[in-house]
Amino acid sequence: MSRSDVLSLYRRVLRIARSWKAQSALPHDTDTERKYIAQEARTLFRQNQHITEPESIKRCIEECEARIEIGLHYRNPYPRPTYLPPMGLATQKGRKLRAQQRLRKQAKPVYLQSHDET
């Protein structure tokens, strides 16, 4: 992925933020959600600007595109939460904490990869 692809994706997110209308149609909610979209884009793009590995860049782009599609489909700009009980993933040799943490990280959906433990 080239720099121009990433910048065009960033511009796309900002255009979505400018034209966003909240599901409730209340002006206050619309304004709040527009600010959230723009701030989230700024934060994540700046956080990831140092990434140079093509595979990592591709994962970040896939995450961004997934969040865009989910947000537009559900008319909700916030990431959808995942619900996994603390020790709810089975391991082969019992339930060890490290194995649980690794399984939770692997079970995290692509659109939440940039977020810390939810």
N, C-alpha and C. Protein backbone atom coordinates (compact mmCIF):
# COMPACT_ATOMS: atom_id res chain seq x y z
N MET A 1 0.84 -1.18 0.00
CA MET A 1 0.00 0.00 0.00
C MET A 1 0.88 1.24 0.00
N SER A 2 0.49 2.18 -0.79
CA SER A 2 1.29 3.39 -0.91
C SER A 2 0.79 4.48 0.04
N ARG A 3 1.60 5.49 0.17
CA ARG A 3 1.25 6.63 1.01
C ARG A 3 -0.04 7.29 0.51
N SER A 4 -0.19 7.37 -0.81
CA SER A 4 -1.39 8.01 -1.37
C SER A 4 -2.66 7.21 -1.04
N ASP A 5 -2.54 5.87 -0.97
CA ASP A 5 -3.70 5.05 -0.58
C ASP A 5 -4.12 5.34 0.85
N VAL A 6 -3.13 5.46 1.74
CA VAL A 6 -3.42 5.74 3.15
C VAL A 6 -4.02 7.14 3.30
N LEU A 7 -3.45 8.10 2.59
CA LEU A 7 -3.98 9.47 2.67
C LEU A 7 -5.39 9.57 2.10
N SER A 8 -5.66 8.83 1.02
CA SER A 8 -7.03 8.86 0.47
C SER A 8 -8.02 8.22 1.43
N LEU A 9 -7.58 7.18 2.15
CA LEU A 9 -8.45 6.57 3.15
C LEU A 9 -8.72 7.55 4.29
N TYR A 10 -7.69 8.28 4.70
CA TYR A 10 -7.85 9.29 5.75
C TYR A 10 -8.83 10.38 5.32
N ARG A 11 -8.68 10.85 4.08
CA ARG A 11 -9.62 11.86 3.55
C ARG A 11 -11.03 11.31 3.48
N ARG A 12 -11.16 10.03 3.13
CA ARG A 12 -12.50 9.41 3.08
C ARG A 12 -13.15 9.42 4.45
N VAL A 13 -12.39 9.09 5.48
CA VAL A 13 -12.93 9.09 6.84
C VAL A 13 -13.35 10.50 7.24
N LEU A 14 -12.53 11.49 6.91
CA LEU A 14 -12.89 12.87 7.27
C LEU A 14 -14.11 13.36 6.50
N ARG A 15 -14.26 12.91 5.24
CA ARG A 15 -15.48 13.27 4.48
C ARG A 15 -16.71 12.63 5.11
N ILE A 16 -16.57 11.38 5.56
CA ILE A 16 -17.68 10.70 6.25
C ILE A 16 -18.03 11.48 7.52
N ALA A 17 -17.03 11.93 8.24
CA ALA A 17 -17.27 12.69 9.48
C ALA A 17 -18.04 13.98 9.19
N ARG A 18 -17.66 14.67 8.13
CA ARG A 18 -18.35 15.92 7.80
C ARG A 18 -19.81 15.71 7.40
N SER A 19 -20.10 14.59 6.74
CA SER A 19 -21.46 14.36 6.26
C SER A 19 -22.28 13.46 7.19
N TRP A 20 -21.71 13.05 8.31
CA TRP A 20 -22.36 12.11 9.23
C TRP A 20 -23.62 12.70 9.85
N LYS A 21 -24.67 11.90 9.91
CA LYS A 21 -25.90 12.26 10.61
C LYS A 21 -26.18 11.16 11.62
N ALA A 22 -26.40 11.55 12.87
CA ALA A 22 -26.64 10.58 13.93
C ALA A 22 -27.97 9.86 13.68
N GLN A 23 -28.05 8.64 14.15
CA GLN A 23 -29.26 7.84 13.99
C GLN A 23 -30.44 8.49 14.70
N SER A 24 -30.18 9.19 15.78
CA SER A 24 -31.25 9.85 16.54
C SER A 24 -31.73 11.13 15.85
N ALA A 25 -30.95 11.63 14.90
CA ALA A 25 -31.26 12.86 14.15
C ALA A 25 -31.23 14.11 15.02
N LEU A 26 -30.74 14.02 16.24
CA LEU A 26 -30.61 15.19 17.09
C LEU A 26 -29.32 15.92 16.75
N PRO A 27 -29.37 17.24 16.63
CA PRO A 27 -28.17 18.00 16.26
C PRO A 27 -27.00 17.79 17.23
N HIS A 28 -27.29 17.70 18.52
CA HIS A 28 -26.23 17.50 19.50
C HIS A 28 -25.54 16.15 19.29
N ASP A 29 -26.33 15.09 19.07
CA ASP A 29 -25.76 13.76 18.84
C ASP A 29 -24.94 13.73 17.56
N THR A 30 -25.47 14.37 16.52
CA THR A 30 -24.75 14.43 15.24
C THR A 30 -23.40 15.10 15.43
N ASP A 31 -23.38 16.22 16.12
CA ASP A 31 -22.14 16.95 16.35
C ASP A 31 -21.15 16.13 17.16
N THR A 32 -21.65 15.48 18.21
CA THR A 32 -20.79 14.64 19.06
C THR A 32 -20.17 13.50 18.25
N GLU A 33 -20.98 12.83 17.43
CA GLU A 33 -20.48 11.70 16.65
C GLU A 33 -19.52 12.15 15.55
N ARG A 34 -19.78 13.31 14.94
CA ARG A 34 -18.86 13.84 13.93
C ARG A 34 -17.50 14.12 14.56
N LYS A 35 -17.51 14.73 15.74
CA LYS A 35 -16.25 15.02 16.43
C LYS A 35 -15.52 13.73 16.79
N TYR A 36 -16.28 12.72 17.23
CA TYR A 36 -15.68 11.44 17.60
C TYR A 36 -14.99 10.81 16.39
N ILE A 37 -15.67 10.79 15.25
CA ILE A 37 -15.11 10.17 14.04
C ILE A 37 -13.81 10.87 13.65
N ALA A 38 -13.83 12.19 13.60
CA ALA A 38 -12.63 12.94 13.20
C ALA A 38 -11.50 12.75 14.21
N GLN A 39 -11.81 12.79 15.50
CA GLN A 39 -10.78 12.63 16.53
C GLN A 39 -10.20 11.22 16.52
N GLU A 40 -11.05 10.22 16.37
CA GLU A 40 -10.59 8.83 16.33
C GLU A 40 -9.68 8.62 15.12
N ALA A 41 -10.06 9.18 13.97
CA ALA A 41 -9.23 9.04 12.77
C ALA A 41 -7.88 9.71 13.00
N ARG A 42 -7.89 10.93 13.51
CA ARG A 42 -6.64 11.65 13.77
C ARG A 42 -5.74 10.85 14.71
N THR A 43 -6.33 10.38 15.80
CA THR A 43 -5.55 9.65 16.80
C THR A 43 -4.94 8.37 16.22
N LEU A 44 -5.74 7.57 15.54
CA LEU A 44 -5.24 6.29 15.04
C LEU A 44 -4.26 6.47 13.88
N PHE A 45 -4.53 7.41 12.98
CA PHE A 45 -3.60 7.61 11.88
C PHE A 45 -2.26 8.15 12.39
N ARG A 46 -2.29 9.05 13.37
CA ARG A 46 -1.03 9.56 13.93
C ARG A 46 -0.31 8.49 14.74
N GLN A 47 -1.06 7.68 15.44
CA GLN A 47 -0.48 6.59 16.23
C GLN A 47 0.24 5.60 15.31
N ASN A 48 -0.29 5.40 14.12
CA ASN A 48 0.27 4.39 13.21
C ASN A 48 1.14 4.97 12.11
N GLN A 49 1.45 6.25 12.15
CA GLN A 49 2.22 6.86 11.06
C GLN A 49 3.65 6.35 10.96
N HIS A 50 4.17 5.79 12.04
CA HIS A 50 5.55 5.30 12.04
C HIS A 50 5.67 3.88 11.47
N ILE A 51 4.56 3.22 11.22
CA ILE A 51 4.60 1.84 10.73
C ILE A 51 5.11 1.82 9.29
N THR A 52 6.09 0.95 9.02
CA THR A 52 6.68 0.87 7.69
C THR A 52 6.53 -0.51 7.05
N GLU A 53 6.24 -1.52 7.85
CA GLU A 53 6.10 -2.87 7.31
C GLU A 53 4.82 -2.96 6.48
N PRO A 54 4.92 -3.43 5.24
CA PRO A 54 3.73 -3.51 4.37
C PRO A 54 2.60 -4.35 4.97
N GLU A 55 2.95 -5.43 5.68
CA GLU A 55 1.91 -6.30 6.26
C GLU A 55 1.16 -5.57 7.38
N SER A 56 1.87 -4.83 8.20
CA SER A 56 1.25 -4.06 9.28
C SER A 56 0.38 -2.95 8.72
N ILE A 57 0.87 -2.29 7.68
CA ILE A 57 0.08 -1.23 7.03
C ILE A 57 -1.20 -1.82 6.46
N LYS A 58 -1.09 -2.98 5.84
CA LYS A 58 -2.27 -3.65 5.26
C LYS A 58 -3.29 -3.97 6.34
N ARG A 59 -2.82 -4.46 7.51
CA ARG A 59 -3.75 -4.78 8.60
C ARG A 59 -4.45 -3.52 9.10
N CYS A 60 -3.72 -2.42 9.21
CA CYS A 60 -4.32 -1.16 9.67
C CYS A 60 -5.36 -0.66 8.67
N ILE A 61 -5.07 -0.79 7.39
CA ILE A 61 -6.02 -0.37 6.36
C ILE A 61 -7.26 -1.25 6.40
N GLU A 62 -7.08 -2.55 6.57
CA GLU A 62 -8.23 -3.46 6.67
C GLU A 62 -9.09 -3.11 7.88
N GLU A 63 -8.44 -2.77 9.00
CA GLU A 63 -9.19 -2.38 10.19
C GLU A 63 -10.01 -1.12 9.92
N CYS A 64 -9.37 -0.14 9.29
CA CYS A 64 -10.05 1.12 9.00
C CYS A 64 -11.25 0.89 8.08
N GLU A 65 -11.04 0.12 7.03
CA GLU A 65 -12.14 -0.15 6.09
C GLU A 65 -13.27 -0.92 6.77
N ALA A 66 -12.92 -1.86 7.65
CA ALA A 66 -13.94 -2.61 8.37
C ALA A 66 -14.75 -1.69 9.29
N ARG A 67 -14.07 -0.79 9.97
CA ARG A 67 -14.77 0.15 10.86
C ARG A 67 -15.66 1.09 10.07
N ILE A 68 -15.20 1.51 8.89
CA ILE A 68 -16.03 2.36 8.04
C ILE A 68 -17.31 1.63 7.64
N GLU A 69 -17.15 0.40 7.15
CA GLU A 69 -18.32 -0.37 6.67
C GLU A 69 -19.28 -0.67 7.81
N ILE A 70 -18.77 -1.05 8.96
CA ILE A 70 -19.65 -1.35 10.10
C ILE A 70 -20.35 -0.08 10.56
N GLY A 71 -19.61 1.03 10.63
CA GLY A 71 -20.20 2.30 11.05
C GLY A 71 -21.30 2.76 10.11
N LEU A 72 -21.05 2.66 8.81
CA LEU A 72 -22.06 3.08 7.84
C LEU A 72 -23.27 2.15 7.86
N HIS A 73 -23.02 0.86 8.01
CA HIS A 73 -24.13 -0.11 8.01
C HIS A 73 -25.04 0.08 9.22
N TYR A 74 -24.45 0.17 10.41
CA TYR A 74 -25.23 0.27 11.64
C TYR A 74 -25.54 1.71 12.04
N ARG A 75 -25.01 2.68 11.30
CA ARG A 75 -25.19 4.10 11.61
C ARG A 75 -24.71 4.41 13.03
N ASN A 76 -23.60 3.78 13.40
CA ASN A 76 -23.02 3.95 14.73
C ASN A 76 -21.50 4.05 14.56
N PRO A 77 -20.90 5.20 14.88
CA PRO A 77 -19.47 5.36 14.64
C PRO A 77 -18.57 4.66 15.66
N TYR A 78 -19.13 4.23 16.76
CA TYR A 78 -18.32 3.64 17.83
C TYR A 78 -18.04 2.17 17.55
N PRO A 79 -16.86 1.67 17.92
CA PRO A 79 -16.56 0.26 17.67
C PRO A 79 -17.50 -0.66 18.45
N ARG A 80 -17.89 -1.73 17.82
CA ARG A 80 -18.79 -2.67 18.48
C ARG A 80 -18.01 -3.45 19.52
N PRO A 81 -18.55 -3.56 20.73
CA PRO A 81 -17.82 -4.29 21.78
C PRO A 81 -17.86 -5.80 21.54
N THR A 82 -16.88 -6.48 22.08
CA THR A 82 -16.88 -7.94 22.05
C THR A 82 -17.11 -8.41 23.48
N TYR A 83 -17.80 -9.48 23.61
CA TYR A 83 -18.13 -10.01 24.93
C TYR A 83 -17.53 -11.39 25.08
N LEU A 84 -16.42 -11.44 25.79
CA LEU A 84 -15.79 -12.71 26.11
C LEU A 84 -15.60 -12.76 27.62
N PRO A 85 -16.10 -13.79 28.27
CA PRO A 85 -15.86 -13.89 29.71
C PRO A 85 -14.36 -13.99 29.98
N PRO A 86 -13.90 -13.52 31.14
CA PRO A 86 -12.47 -13.47 31.43
C PRO A 86 -11.71 -14.78 31.18
N MET A 87 -12.25 -15.88 31.56
CA MET A 87 -11.58 -17.17 31.33
C MET A 87 -12.46 -18.07 30.48
N GLY A 88 -13.12 -17.52 29.49
CA GLY A 88 -14.12 -18.24 28.73
C GLY A 88 -13.63 -19.01 27.53
N LEU A 89 -12.36 -18.88 27.17
CA LEU A 89 -11.86 -19.61 26.02
C LEU A 89 -11.11 -20.85 26.49
N ALA A 90 -11.48 -22.00 25.98
CA ALA A 90 -10.89 -23.26 26.41
C ALA A 90 -9.49 -23.43 25.83
N THR A 91 -8.61 -24.01 26.61
CA THR A 91 -7.28 -24.37 26.14
C THR A 91 -7.16 -25.88 26.20
N GLN A 92 -6.13 -26.41 25.57
CA GLN A 92 -5.97 -27.86 25.55
C GLN A 92 -5.58 -28.43 26.91
N LYS A 93 -4.75 -27.70 27.67
CA LYS A 93 -4.25 -28.23 28.94
C LYS A 93 -4.82 -27.47 30.12
N GLY A 94 -6.07 -27.22 30.11
CA GLY A 94 -6.68 -26.48 31.20
C GLY A 94 -6.71 -25.00 30.89
N ARG A 95 -7.05 -24.23 31.87
CA ARG A 95 -7.23 -22.79 31.67
C ARG A 95 -6.11 -22.01 32.34
N LYS A 96 -5.06 -21.77 31.60
CA LYS A 96 -3.93 -21.01 32.11
C LYS A 96 -4.06 -19.57 31.66
N LEU A 97 -3.63 -18.64 32.49
CA LEU A 97 -3.82 -17.21 32.23
C LEU A 97 -3.13 -16.75 30.94
N ARG A 98 -1.89 -17.14 30.72
CA ARG A 98 -1.19 -16.70 29.50
C ARG A 98 -1.89 -17.21 28.25
N ALA A 99 -2.31 -18.46 28.30
CA ALA A 99 -3.01 -19.03 27.15
C ALA A 99 -4.33 -18.29 26.92
N GLN A 100 -5.01 -17.94 28.00
CA GLN A 100 -6.27 -17.19 27.89
C GLN A 100 -6.02 -15.81 27.27
N GLN A 101 -4.97 -15.14 27.70
CA GLN A 101 -4.66 -13.81 27.15
C GLN A 101 -4.34 -13.90 25.66
N ARG A 102 -3.58 -14.92 25.27
CA ARG A 102 -3.23 -15.11 23.87
C ARG A 102 -4.48 -15.40 23.04
N LEU A 103 -5.35 -16.28 23.56
CA LEU A 103 -6.58 -16.61 22.85
C LEU A 103 -7.51 -15.41 22.73
N ARG A 104 -7.57 -14.58 23.77
CA ARG A 104 -8.40 -13.36 23.71
C ARG A 104 -7.88 -12.41 22.65
N LYS A 105 -6.54 -12.29 22.55
CA LYS A 105 -5.96 -11.41 21.54
C LYS A 105 -6.25 -11.94 20.14
N GLN A 106 -6.18 -13.25 19.95
CA GLN A 106 -6.47 -13.85 18.65
C GLN A 106 -7.95 -13.75 18.30
N ALA A 107 -8.83 -13.73 19.31
CA ALA A 107 -10.27 -13.69 19.08
C ALA A 107 -10.77 -12.28 18.82
N LYS A 108 -9.91 -11.27 19.00
CA LYS A 108 -10.33 -9.88 18.81
C LYS A 108 -10.62 -9.63 17.33
N PRO A 109 -11.77 -9.06 17.01
CA PRO A 109 -12.11 -8.81 15.60
C PRO A 109 -11.17 -7.78 14.97
N VAL A 110 -11.11 -7.81 13.64
CA VAL A 110 -10.18 -6.95 12.91
C VAL A 110 -10.46 -5.47 13.16
N TYR A 111 -11.69 -5.11 13.40
CA TYR A 111 -12.01 -3.69 13.58
C TYR A 111 -11.66 -3.17 14.97
N LEU A 112 -11.16 -4.02 15.84
CA LEU A 112 -10.76 -3.59 17.18
C LEU A 112 -9.27 -3.80 17.44
N GLN A 113 -8.49 -4.11 16.42
CA GLN A 113 -7.08 -4.42 16.63
C GLN A 113 -6.31 -3.24 17.24
N SER A 114 -6.68 -2.02 16.93
CA SER A 114 -5.92 -0.87 17.45
C SER A 114 -6.33 -0.47 18.86
N HIS A 115 -7.38 -1.08 19.38
CA HIS A 115 -7.83 -0.76 20.73
C HIS A 115 -7.21 -1.71 21.72
N ASP A 116 -6.93 -1.19 22.91
CA ASP A 116 -6.41 -2.04 23.98
C ASP A 116 -7.53 -2.94 24.47
N GLU A 117 -7.24 -3.71 25.49
CA GLU A 117 -8.21 -4.67 26.03
C GLU A 117 -9.55 -3.99 26.28
N THR A 118 -10.60 -4.55 25.69
CA THR A 118 -11.94 -3.98 25.83
C THR A 118 -12.73 -4.68 26.90
